[in-house]
């Protein structure tokens, strides 16, 4: 099975909301998440404690689950601003 893995970031999003997003995404069959720490060199109180939310799912994720995943991410984007996405290396 081939996996897709990518990182999602919402600027200045609090830790609790990242945890909430991760919990919602994990309810989608086949989706796994991981919270990645902030990698800033200097402490900034206004930055989130989380740097990125890593999302993993099979390439073969069915359309209904892909739609649900997008719907969840878009829901939070409406409330907290657009998210950034970067490709993550599969280890």
Protein backbone atom coordinates (compact mmCIF):
# COMPACT_ATOMS: atom_id res chain seq x y z
CA UNK A 1 0.00 0.00 0.00
CA UNK A 2 1.34 3.41 -1.00
CA UNK A 3 0.86 6.28 1.44
CA UNK A 4 0.43 9.98 0.92
CA UNK A 5 2.00 12.15 3.60
CA UNK A 6 1.93 15.93 3.89
CA UNK A 7 2.06 18.64 6.53
CA UNK A 8 -0.62 21.25 7.17
CA UNK A 9 -0.04 24.53 9.00
CA UNK A 10 -2.47 27.20 10.16
CA UNK A 11 -0.50 30.29 11.25
CA UNK A 12 -0.80 31.17 14.96
CA UNK A 13 -3.24 28.32 15.68
CA UNK A 14 -3.36 27.29 19.35
CA UNK A 15 -2.28 23.81 20.44
CA UNK A 16 -5.82 22.87 21.55
CA UNK A 17 -7.24 23.61 18.10
CA UNK A 18 -4.49 21.59 16.38
CA UNK A 19 -5.44 18.70 18.70
CA UNK A 20 -9.10 19.15 17.78
CA UNK A 21 -8.31 19.11 14.04
CA UNK A 22 -6.17 15.99 14.48
CA UNK A 23 -8.99 14.25 16.37
CA UNK A 24 -11.50 15.11 13.65
CA UNK A 25 -9.21 13.94 10.85
CA UNK A 26 -8.52 10.63 12.62
CA UNK A 27 -12.25 9.91 12.48
CA UNK A 28 -11.93 9.65 8.68
CA UNK A 29 -11.25 6.01 7.84
CA UNK A 30 -7.62 5.48 6.79
CA UNK A 31 -6.36 8.89 7.97
CA UNK A 32 -3.62 9.21 10.60
CA UNK A 33 -2.21 12.42 12.07
CA UNK A 34 0.81 13.54 14.05
CA UNK A 35 1.51 16.90 15.68
CA UNK A 36 4.99 18.22 14.85
CA UNK A 37 6.73 20.65 17.23
CA UNK A 38 7.42 24.27 16.45
CA UNK A 39 10.93 24.69 15.03
CA UNK A 40 11.38 28.44 15.61
CA UNK A 41 14.81 29.42 16.92
CA UNK A 42 13.42 32.03 19.33
CA UNK A 43 10.37 31.88 21.56
CA UNK A 44 7.41 33.96 20.46
CA UNK A 45 4.34 33.84 22.68
CA UNK A 46 2.10 34.49 19.67
CA UNK A 47 3.33 31.37 17.83
CA UNK A 48 1.63 28.03 18.24
CA UNK A 49 3.41 25.32 20.18
CA UNK A 50 2.75 23.13 17.12
CA UNK A 51 4.67 23.73 13.93
CA UNK A 52 2.74 21.44 11.59
CA UNK A 53 0.04 18.79 11.55
CA UNK A 54 1.25 15.74 9.62
CA UNK A 55 -1.48 13.90 7.71
CA UNK A 56 -1.05 10.35 6.35
CA UNK A 57 -3.47 8.26 4.32
CA UNK A 58 -3.36 5.62 1.60
CA UNK A 59 -3.24 6.79 -2.01
CA UNK A 60 -6.29 4.61 -2.47
CA UNK A 61 -8.40 6.66 -0.01
CA UNK A 62 -11.91 6.56 -1.47
CA UNK A 63 -13.56 9.72 -2.75
CA UNK A 64 -16.03 10.02 0.14
CA UNK A 65 -13.16 10.00 2.67
CA UNK A 66 -11.11 12.44 0.57
CA UNK A 67 -14.11 14.77 0.49
CA UNK A 68 -14.57 14.47 4.27
CA UNK A 69 -10.88 15.23 4.88
CA UNK A 70 -11.08 18.34 2.68
CA UNK A 71 -14.33 19.41 4.35
CA UNK A 72 -12.72 19.26 7.81
CA UNK A 73 -9.65 21.25 6.72
CA UNK A 74 -11.83 23.83 4.96
CA UNK A 75 -14.06 24.18 8.05
CA UNK A 76 -11.05 25.25 10.14
CA UNK A 77 -9.70 27.46 7.34
CA UNK A 78 -12.98 29.41 7.40
CA UNK A 79 -12.51 30.10 11.11
CA UNK A 80 -8.74 30.49 11.42
CA UNK A 81 -7.50 31.51 7.97
CA UNK A 82 -5.98 29.66 5.06
CA UNK A 83 -3.64 26.78 5.76
CA UNK A 84 -0.31 26.00 4.14
CA UNK A 85 0.62 22.56 2.88
CA UNK A 86 4.04 21.04 2.31
CA UNK A 87 5.07 17.61 1.16
CA UNK A 88 6.60 15.45 3.87
CA UNK A 89 9.14 12.73 3.24
CA UNK A 90 7.97 9.21 3.95
CA UNK A 91 10.43 7.50 6.27
